[in-house]
Amino acid sequence: MTTSPTDLSHQLRAERQAVETLYRAFNEQNPDLVDEALAPHWDDIPLAPGQGPGPEGIKPIIRSFAQAFPDVRITVHDMVQEPGRIGVRAEITGTHQGELFGIAPTGKQVSFRIHEFHTLADNRVTTTWHMEDWFGLFLQLGQFPPQA
């Protein structure tokens, strides 16, 4: 069966909207938005320390980011897309006003890059592979998280 250009255009828009909604959950500090964007069996690779699986697992991460950076903003610089796949180059900015990974608030404004690759099915994100520049963030904060 051949996909019509109209159907393909609709699919691409719906998939892009799902990924944009995931980032809006952080920007709007509304973890429940992920319920619209992520598949129930969403796989986040790698999981953050203590993060549970699926959409419910990311919600505490969004809340902790909002506490650490009340003005958190994810700015998407590039999206590269084909049906069922989206690559994102983005930047997270904010002012460190709450504890993050055991680091007390510094009041410093920070900016660090993220790169993510999403797979989608039925207009929902099914898998996210991501890499954040944590080293760059910790250098900006002037310290690294306490080690065990």
N, C-alpha and C. Protein backbone atom coordinates (compact mmCIF):
# COMPACT_ATOMS: atom_id res chain seq x y z
N MET A 1 0.84 -1.18 0.00
CA MET A 1 0.00 0.00 0.00
C MET A 1 0.88 1.25 0.00
N THR A 2 0.61 2.18 -0.84
CA THR A 2 1.37 3.40 -0.98
C THR A 2 0.75 4.50 -0.12
N THR A 3 1.63 5.25 0.53
CA THR A 3 1.18 6.38 1.34
C THR A 3 1.08 7.61 0.45
N SER A 4 -0.04 8.28 0.52
CA SER A 4 -0.21 9.49 -0.29
C SER A 4 0.62 10.63 0.31
N PRO A 5 0.99 11.62 -0.51
CA PRO A 5 1.72 12.77 0.02
C PRO A 5 0.98 13.48 1.15
N THR A 6 -0.34 13.54 1.06
CA THR A 6 -1.14 14.18 2.12
C THR A 6 -1.05 13.38 3.41
N ASP A 7 -1.17 12.05 3.31
CA ASP A 7 -1.06 11.21 4.50
C ASP A 7 0.32 11.32 5.12
N LEU A 8 1.35 11.33 4.29
CA LEU A 8 2.71 11.44 4.80
C LEU A 8 2.93 12.78 5.48
N SER A 9 2.43 13.84 4.89
CA SER A 9 2.55 15.17 5.48
C SER A 9 1.86 15.22 6.84
N HIS A 10 0.68 14.62 6.93
CA HIS A 10 -0.05 14.58 8.20
C HIS A 10 0.74 13.78 9.24
N GLN A 11 1.30 12.65 8.84
CA GLN A 11 2.09 11.82 9.76
C GLN A 11 3.29 12.60 10.29
N LEU A 12 4.02 13.25 9.39
CA LEU A 12 5.20 14.01 9.79
C LEU A 12 4.84 15.13 10.76
N ARG A 13 3.75 15.84 10.49
CA ARG A 13 3.31 16.91 11.40
C ARG A 13 2.95 16.35 12.77
N ALA A 14 2.21 15.24 12.80
CA ALA A 14 1.78 14.64 14.07
C ALA A 14 2.99 14.13 14.86
N GLU A 15 3.96 13.56 14.18
CA GLU A 15 5.15 13.07 14.88
C GLU A 15 5.97 14.24 15.44
N ARG A 16 6.11 15.27 14.64
CA ARG A 16 6.84 16.46 15.11
C ARG A 16 6.14 17.06 16.32
N GLN A 17 4.82 17.11 16.29
CA GLN A 17 4.06 17.65 17.41
C GLN A 17 4.30 16.84 18.68
N ALA A 18 4.40 15.52 18.56
CA ALA A 18 4.66 14.67 19.73
C ALA A 18 6.00 15.03 20.37
N VAL A 19 7.02 15.19 19.54
CA VAL A 19 8.35 15.54 20.07
C VAL A 19 8.32 16.95 20.67
N GLU A 20 7.69 17.88 20.01
CA GLU A 20 7.59 19.24 20.55
C GLU A 20 6.84 19.25 21.88
N THR A 21 5.84 18.41 22.02
CA THR A 21 5.08 18.33 23.28
C THR A 21 5.95 17.80 24.40
N LEU A 22 6.84 16.87 24.11
CA LEU A 22 7.77 16.38 25.13
C LEU A 22 8.61 17.54 25.68
N TYR A 23 9.13 18.40 24.81
CA TYR A 23 9.92 19.54 25.27
C TYR A 23 9.05 20.59 25.96
N ARG A 24 7.82 20.74 25.49
CA ARG A 24 6.91 21.68 26.16
C ARG A 24 6.65 21.27 27.60
N ALA A 25 6.64 19.97 27.88
CA ALA A 25 6.42 19.50 29.26
C ALA A 25 7.45 20.11 30.20
N PHE A 26 8.70 20.25 29.72
CA PHE A 26 9.75 20.90 30.52
C PHE A 26 9.53 22.41 30.54
N ASN A 27 9.34 23.01 29.36
CA ASN A 27 9.21 24.47 29.28
C ASN A 27 8.02 25.00 30.08
N GLU A 28 6.92 24.25 30.04
CA GLU A 28 5.71 24.69 30.76
C GLU A 28 5.63 24.10 32.16
N GLN A 29 6.64 23.31 32.53
CA GLN A 29 6.68 22.66 33.84
C GLN A 29 5.39 21.89 34.10
N ASN A 30 4.97 21.14 33.09
CA ASN A 30 3.72 20.37 33.14
C ASN A 30 4.02 18.92 32.76
N PRO A 31 4.45 18.10 33.72
CA PRO A 31 4.82 16.72 33.42
C PRO A 31 3.72 15.91 32.75
N ASP A 32 2.46 16.24 33.01
CA ASP A 32 1.37 15.45 32.45
C ASP A 32 1.28 15.56 30.93
N LEU A 33 1.93 16.56 30.33
CA LEU A 33 1.94 16.67 28.87
C LEU A 33 2.58 15.45 28.21
N VAL A 34 3.48 14.77 28.93
CA VAL A 34 4.13 13.60 28.32
C VAL A 34 3.12 12.50 28.00
N ASP A 35 1.98 12.50 28.68
CA ASP A 35 0.96 11.49 28.40
C ASP A 35 0.43 11.60 26.97
N GLU A 36 0.50 12.82 26.40
CA GLU A 36 0.07 13.04 25.02
C GLU A 36 1.16 12.65 24.02
N ALA A 37 2.41 12.70 24.45
CA ALA A 37 3.54 12.57 23.52
C ALA A 37 4.21 11.21 23.52
N LEU A 38 4.21 10.55 24.66
CA LEU A 38 4.98 9.32 24.80
C LEU A 38 4.09 8.08 24.78
N ALA A 39 4.56 7.03 24.13
CA ALA A 39 3.86 5.75 24.16
C ALA A 39 3.93 5.18 25.57
N PRO A 40 2.94 4.40 25.99
CA PRO A 40 2.95 3.84 27.35
C PRO A 40 4.20 3.02 27.65
N HIS A 41 4.79 2.42 26.62
CA HIS A 41 5.99 1.60 26.80
C HIS A 41 7.27 2.35 26.39
N TRP A 42 7.22 3.69 26.38
CA TRP A 42 8.36 4.52 25.98
C TRP A 42 9.63 4.08 26.69
N ASP A 43 10.72 3.99 25.92
CA ASP A 43 12.02 3.59 26.43
C ASP A 43 12.95 4.80 26.36
N ASP A 44 13.46 5.25 27.49
CA ASP A 44 14.36 6.40 27.60
C ASP A 44 15.77 5.87 27.85
N ILE A 45 16.68 6.11 26.91
CA ILE A 45 18.01 5.51 26.98
C ILE A 45 19.05 6.61 27.00
N PRO A 46 19.88 6.73 28.04
CA PRO A 46 19.85 5.97 29.27
C PRO A 46 18.91 6.61 30.29
N LEU A 47 18.44 5.81 31.21
CA LEU A 47 17.62 6.34 32.30
C LEU A 47 18.51 7.18 33.23
N ALA A 48 17.95 8.23 33.78
CA ALA A 48 18.65 9.02 34.79
C ALA A 48 18.73 8.21 36.08
N PRO A 49 19.70 8.51 36.94
CA PRO A 49 19.76 7.80 38.22
C PRO A 49 18.42 7.88 38.96
N GLY A 50 17.88 6.73 39.31
CA GLY A 50 16.62 6.66 40.04
C GLY A 50 15.38 6.79 39.19
N GLN A 51 15.54 6.99 37.88
CA GLN A 51 14.38 7.16 36.99
C GLN A 51 13.70 5.82 36.73
N GLY A 52 12.38 5.82 36.85
CA GLY A 52 11.60 4.64 36.52
C GLY A 52 11.30 4.60 35.03
N PRO A 53 10.75 3.48 34.57
CA PRO A 53 10.47 3.33 33.15
C PRO A 53 9.21 4.08 32.70
N GLY A 54 9.12 4.29 31.39
CA GLY A 54 7.91 4.82 30.79
C GLY A 54 7.65 6.28 31.09
N PRO A 55 6.49 6.77 30.64
CA PRO A 55 6.13 8.17 30.86
C PRO A 55 6.11 8.57 32.33
N GLU A 56 5.66 7.68 33.20
CA GLU A 56 5.62 8.02 34.63
C GLU A 56 7.01 8.25 35.19
N GLY A 57 8.01 7.59 34.61
CA GLY A 57 9.38 7.73 35.09
C GLY A 57 10.01 9.07 34.80
N ILE A 58 9.57 9.75 33.73
CA ILE A 58 10.15 11.05 33.37
C ILE A 58 9.51 12.20 34.16
N LYS A 59 8.32 11.97 34.68
CA LYS A 59 7.61 13.06 35.37
C LYS A 59 8.38 13.60 36.58
N PRO A 60 8.96 12.76 37.44
CA PRO A 60 9.76 13.32 38.54
C PRO A 60 10.99 14.07 38.05
N ILE A 61 11.55 13.67 36.91
CA ILE A 61 12.70 14.36 36.34
C ILE A 61 12.28 15.78 35.93
N ILE A 62 11.13 15.90 35.28
CA ILE A 62 10.62 17.21 34.87
C ILE A 62 10.39 18.09 36.10
N ARG A 63 9.81 17.50 37.15
CA ARG A 63 9.56 18.28 38.38
C ARG A 63 10.87 18.73 39.02
N SER A 64 11.87 17.84 39.06
CA SER A 64 13.14 18.21 39.69
C SER A 64 13.87 19.27 38.88
N PHE A 65 13.76 19.21 37.55
CA PHE A 65 14.35 20.26 36.72
C PHE A 65 13.67 21.59 36.96
N ALA A 66 12.35 21.57 37.10
CA ALA A 66 11.61 22.81 37.36
C ALA A 66 12.00 23.41 38.71
N GLN A 67 12.30 22.55 39.70
CA GLN A 67 12.73 23.05 41.01
C GLN A 67 14.15 23.61 40.95
N ALA A 68 15.03 22.92 40.21
CA ALA A 68 16.42 23.36 40.11
C ALA A 68 16.55 24.60 39.23
N PHE A 69 15.73 24.66 38.17
CA PHE A 69 15.78 25.76 37.20
C PHE A 69 14.35 26.26 36.95
N PRO A 70 13.82 27.11 37.83
CA PRO A 70 12.43 27.55 37.67
C PRO A 70 12.15 28.24 36.33
N ASP A 71 13.20 28.76 35.70
CA ASP A 71 13.03 29.41 34.40
C ASP A 71 13.55 28.52 33.25
N VAL A 72 13.55 27.21 33.46
CA VAL A 72 14.09 26.28 32.47
C VAL A 72 13.45 26.50 31.10
N ARG A 73 14.28 26.43 30.07
CA ARG A 73 13.80 26.59 28.70
C ARG A 73 14.61 25.64 27.82
N ILE A 74 13.91 24.81 27.07
CA ILE A 74 14.55 23.99 26.05
C ILE A 74 14.26 24.64 24.71
N THR A 75 15.32 25.03 24.03
CA THR A 75 15.21 25.65 22.72
C THR A 75 15.69 24.64 21.69
N VAL A 76 14.83 24.29 20.75
CA VAL A 76 15.19 23.36 19.69
C VAL A 76 15.84 24.18 18.57
N HIS A 77 17.06 23.80 18.22
CA HIS A 77 17.79 24.48 17.14
C HIS A 77 17.59 23.77 15.80
N ASP A 78 17.53 22.45 15.83
CA ASP A 78 17.36 21.67 14.60
C ASP A 78 16.54 20.43 14.88
N MET A 79 15.68 20.10 13.92
CA MET A 79 15.00 18.81 13.90
C MET A 79 15.21 18.23 12.51
N VAL A 80 15.68 17.01 12.47
CA VAL A 80 15.85 16.28 11.23
C VAL A 80 14.90 15.11 11.30
N GLN A 81 14.05 14.99 10.28
CA GLN A 81 12.95 14.04 10.39
C GLN A 81 12.79 13.21 9.12
N GLU A 82 12.43 11.96 9.34
CA GLU A 82 11.90 11.09 8.31
C GLU A 82 10.77 10.32 8.99
N PRO A 83 9.89 9.69 8.27
CA PRO A 83 8.77 9.01 8.93
C PRO A 83 9.26 8.04 10.01
N GLY A 84 8.75 8.26 11.22
CA GLY A 84 9.07 7.38 12.34
C GLY A 84 10.35 7.71 13.08
N ARG A 85 11.07 8.75 12.67
CA ARG A 85 12.34 9.10 13.32
C ARG A 85 12.54 10.61 13.30
N ILE A 86 13.01 11.14 14.44
CA ILE A 86 13.33 12.56 14.52
C ILE A 86 14.61 12.72 15.34
N GLY A 87 15.56 13.47 14.79
CA GLY A 87 16.77 13.84 15.51
C GLY A 87 16.67 15.29 15.93
N VAL A 88 17.12 15.60 17.13
CA VAL A 88 16.99 16.95 17.68
C VAL A 88 18.33 17.43 18.22
N ARG A 89 18.66 18.68 17.87
CA ARG A 89 19.77 19.39 18.48
C ARG A 89 19.14 20.56 19.22
N ALA A 90 19.34 20.60 20.54
CA ALA A 90 18.67 21.61 21.35
C ALA A 90 19.59 22.11 22.45
N GLU A 91 19.08 23.07 23.20
CA GLU A 91 19.85 23.69 24.27
C GLU A 91 18.92 23.92 25.46
N ILE A 92 19.42 23.61 26.63
CA ILE A 92 18.68 23.86 27.87
C ILE A 92 19.31 25.06 28.55
N THR A 93 18.49 26.04 28.92
CA THR A 93 18.97 27.20 29.65
C THR A 93 18.15 27.38 30.92
N GLY A 94 18.73 28.05 31.88
CA GLY A 94 18.01 28.34 33.11
C GLY A 94 18.94 28.89 34.17
N THR A 95 18.34 29.31 35.26
CA THR A 95 19.08 29.84 36.40
C THR A 95 19.02 28.81 37.52
N HIS A 96 20.19 28.39 38.00
CA HIS A 96 20.29 27.33 39.01
C HIS A 96 19.84 27.87 40.37
N GLN A 97 18.56 27.64 40.69
CA GLN A 97 17.98 28.17 41.93
C GLN A 97 17.53 27.09 42.91
N GLY A 98 17.74 25.83 42.56
CA GLY A 98 17.38 24.72 43.45
C GLY A 98 18.42 23.63 43.33
N GLU A 99 18.42 22.71 44.27
CA GLU A 99 19.40 21.63 44.27
C GLU A 99 19.29 20.79 43.00
N LEU A 100 20.44 20.41 42.47
CA LEU A 100 20.51 19.55 41.29
C LEU A 100 21.62 18.54 41.50
N PHE A 101 21.29 17.27 41.51
CA PHE A 101 22.27 16.19 41.68
C PHE A 101 23.12 16.42 42.93
N GLY A 102 22.52 16.96 43.98
CA GLY A 102 23.25 17.20 45.22
C GLY A 102 24.05 18.48 45.23
N ILE A 103 23.97 19.28 44.18
CA ILE A 103 24.68 20.56 44.12
C ILE A 103 23.71 21.66 44.59
N ALA A 104 24.10 22.38 45.62
CA ALA A 104 23.26 23.45 46.16
C ALA A 104 23.10 24.56 45.13
N PRO A 105 22.00 25.31 45.22
CA PRO A 105 21.77 26.40 44.26
C PRO A 105 22.95 27.37 44.21
N THR A 106 23.32 27.75 43.00
CA THR A 106 24.44 28.68 42.81
C THR A 106 23.96 30.05 42.33
N GLY A 107 22.73 30.14 41.81
CA GLY A 107 22.23 31.37 41.24
C GLY A 107 22.80 31.66 39.85
N LYS A 108 23.60 30.73 39.33
CA LYS A 108 24.24 30.95 38.03
C LYS A 108 23.29 30.63 36.87
N GLN A 109 23.38 31.46 35.84
CA GLN A 109 22.65 31.16 34.61
C GLN A 109 23.51 30.19 33.81
N VAL A 110 22.86 29.14 33.29
CA VAL A 110 23.59 28.11 32.57
C VAL A 110 22.93 27.85 31.23
N SER A 111 23.72 27.23 30.36
CA SER A 111 23.25 26.84 29.05
C SER A 111 24.04 25.60 28.65
N PHE A 112 23.34 24.51 28.31
CA PHE A 112 24.06 23.31 27.88
C PHE A 112 23.27 22.60 26.80
N ARG A 113 24.01 21.91 25.96
CA ARG A 113 23.43 21.29 24.76
C ARG A 113 22.93 19.88 25.01
N ILE A 114 21.93 19.52 24.23
CA ILE A 114 21.43 18.15 24.22
C ILE A 114 21.26 17.70 22.77
N HIS A 115 21.43 16.40 22.58
CA HIS A 115 21.20 15.77 21.28
C HIS A 115 20.34 14.55 21.56
N GLU A 116 19.23 14.45 20.84
CA GLU A 116 18.30 13.34 21.08
C GLU A 116 17.84 12.76 19.75
N PHE A 117 17.60 11.46 19.79
CA PHE A 117 17.08 10.75 18.63
C PHE A 117 15.86 9.98 19.08
N HIS A 118 14.75 10.24 18.44
CA HIS A 118 13.46 9.67 18.82
C HIS A 118 12.96 8.74 17.71
N THR A 119 12.38 7.61 18.12
CA THR A 119 11.60 6.80 17.18
C THR A 119 10.15 6.94 17.59
N LEU A 120 9.27 6.86 16.59
CA LEU A 120 7.84 7.07 16.84
C LEU A 120 7.01 6.01 16.15
N ALA A 121 5.87 5.73 16.74
CA ALA A 121 4.86 4.86 16.13
C ALA A 121 3.50 5.38 16.59
N ASP A 122 2.54 5.37 15.69
CA ASP A 122 1.19 5.86 16.01
C ASP A 122 1.22 7.26 16.61
N ASN A 123 2.12 8.10 16.09
CA ASN A 123 2.23 9.51 16.49
C ASN A 123 2.64 9.71 17.95
N ARG A 124 3.33 8.73 18.50
CA ARG A 124 3.86 8.84 19.86
C ARG A 124 5.32 8.41 19.86
N VAL A 125 6.09 9.02 20.73
CA VAL A 125 7.50 8.66 20.86
C VAL A 125 7.59 7.31 21.57
N THR A 126 8.29 6.37 20.95
CA THR A 126 8.44 5.03 21.53
C THR A 126 9.80 4.83 22.19
N THR A 127 10.83 5.50 21.65
CA THR A 127 12.18 5.39 22.19
C THR A 127 12.89 6.72 22.03
N THR A 128 13.67 7.09 23.05
CA THR A 128 14.51 8.28 22.99
C THR A 128 15.91 7.89 23.43
N TRP A 129 16.87 8.17 22.55
CA TRP A 129 18.28 8.06 22.91
C TRP A 129 18.77 9.50 23.07
N HIS A 130 19.44 9.78 24.18
CA HIS A 130 19.82 11.18 24.42
C HIS A 130 21.20 11.30 25.02
N MET A 131 21.80 12.46 24.76
CA MET A 131 23.09 12.80 25.34
C MET A 131 23.06 14.29 25.69
N GLU A 132 23.26 14.56 26.96
CA GLU A 132 23.32 15.92 27.46
C GLU A 132 24.76 16.26 27.80
N ASP A 133 25.14 17.51 27.69
CA ASP A 133 26.49 17.95 28.03
C ASP A 133 26.56 18.25 29.52
N TRP A 134 26.46 17.19 30.33
CA TRP A 134 26.50 17.37 31.78
C TRP A 134 27.85 17.95 32.22
N PHE A 135 28.95 17.54 31.59
CA PHE A 135 30.26 18.06 31.93
C PHE A 135 30.27 19.58 31.79
N GLY A 136 29.74 20.07 30.66
CA GLY A 136 29.67 21.51 30.44
C GLY A 136 28.82 22.21 31.49
N LEU A 137 27.71 21.58 31.89
CA LEU A 137 26.86 22.16 32.92
C LEU A 137 27.61 22.26 34.24
N PHE A 138 28.27 21.18 34.64
CA PHE A 138 28.96 21.18 35.93
C PHE A 138 30.12 22.17 35.94
N LEU A 139 30.78 22.34 34.81
CA LEU A 139 31.82 23.37 34.73
C LEU A 139 31.23 24.76 34.94
N GLN A 140 30.06 25.02 34.37
CA GLN A 140 29.41 26.32 34.56
C GLN A 140 29.01 26.53 36.00
N LEU A 141 28.58 25.45 36.67
CA LEU A 141 28.18 25.55 38.08
C LEU A 141 29.40 25.64 39.00
N GLY A 142 30.57 25.26 38.48
CA GLY A 142 31.80 25.33 39.28
C GLY A 142 31.99 24.15 40.20
N GLN A 143 31.23 23.09 39.99
CA GLN A 143 31.37 21.90 40.84
C GLN A 143 30.69 20.71 40.19
N PHE A 144 31.08 19.54 40.67
CA PHE A 144 30.52 18.29 40.19
C PHE A 144 29.69 17.68 41.31
N PRO A 145 28.73 16.82 40.96
CA PRO A 145 27.94 16.18 42.02
C PRO A 145 28.83 15.38 42.95
N PRO A 146 28.44 15.27 44.22
CA PRO A 146 29.22 14.46 45.16
C PRO A 146 29.29 13.00 44.65
N GLN A 147 30.44 12.40 44.81
CA GLN A 147 30.65 11.02 44.38
C GLN A 147 30.50 10.07 45.56
N ALA A 148 29.97 8.88 45.30
CA ALA A 148 29.78 7.88 46.37
C ALA A 148 31.12 7.32 46.79
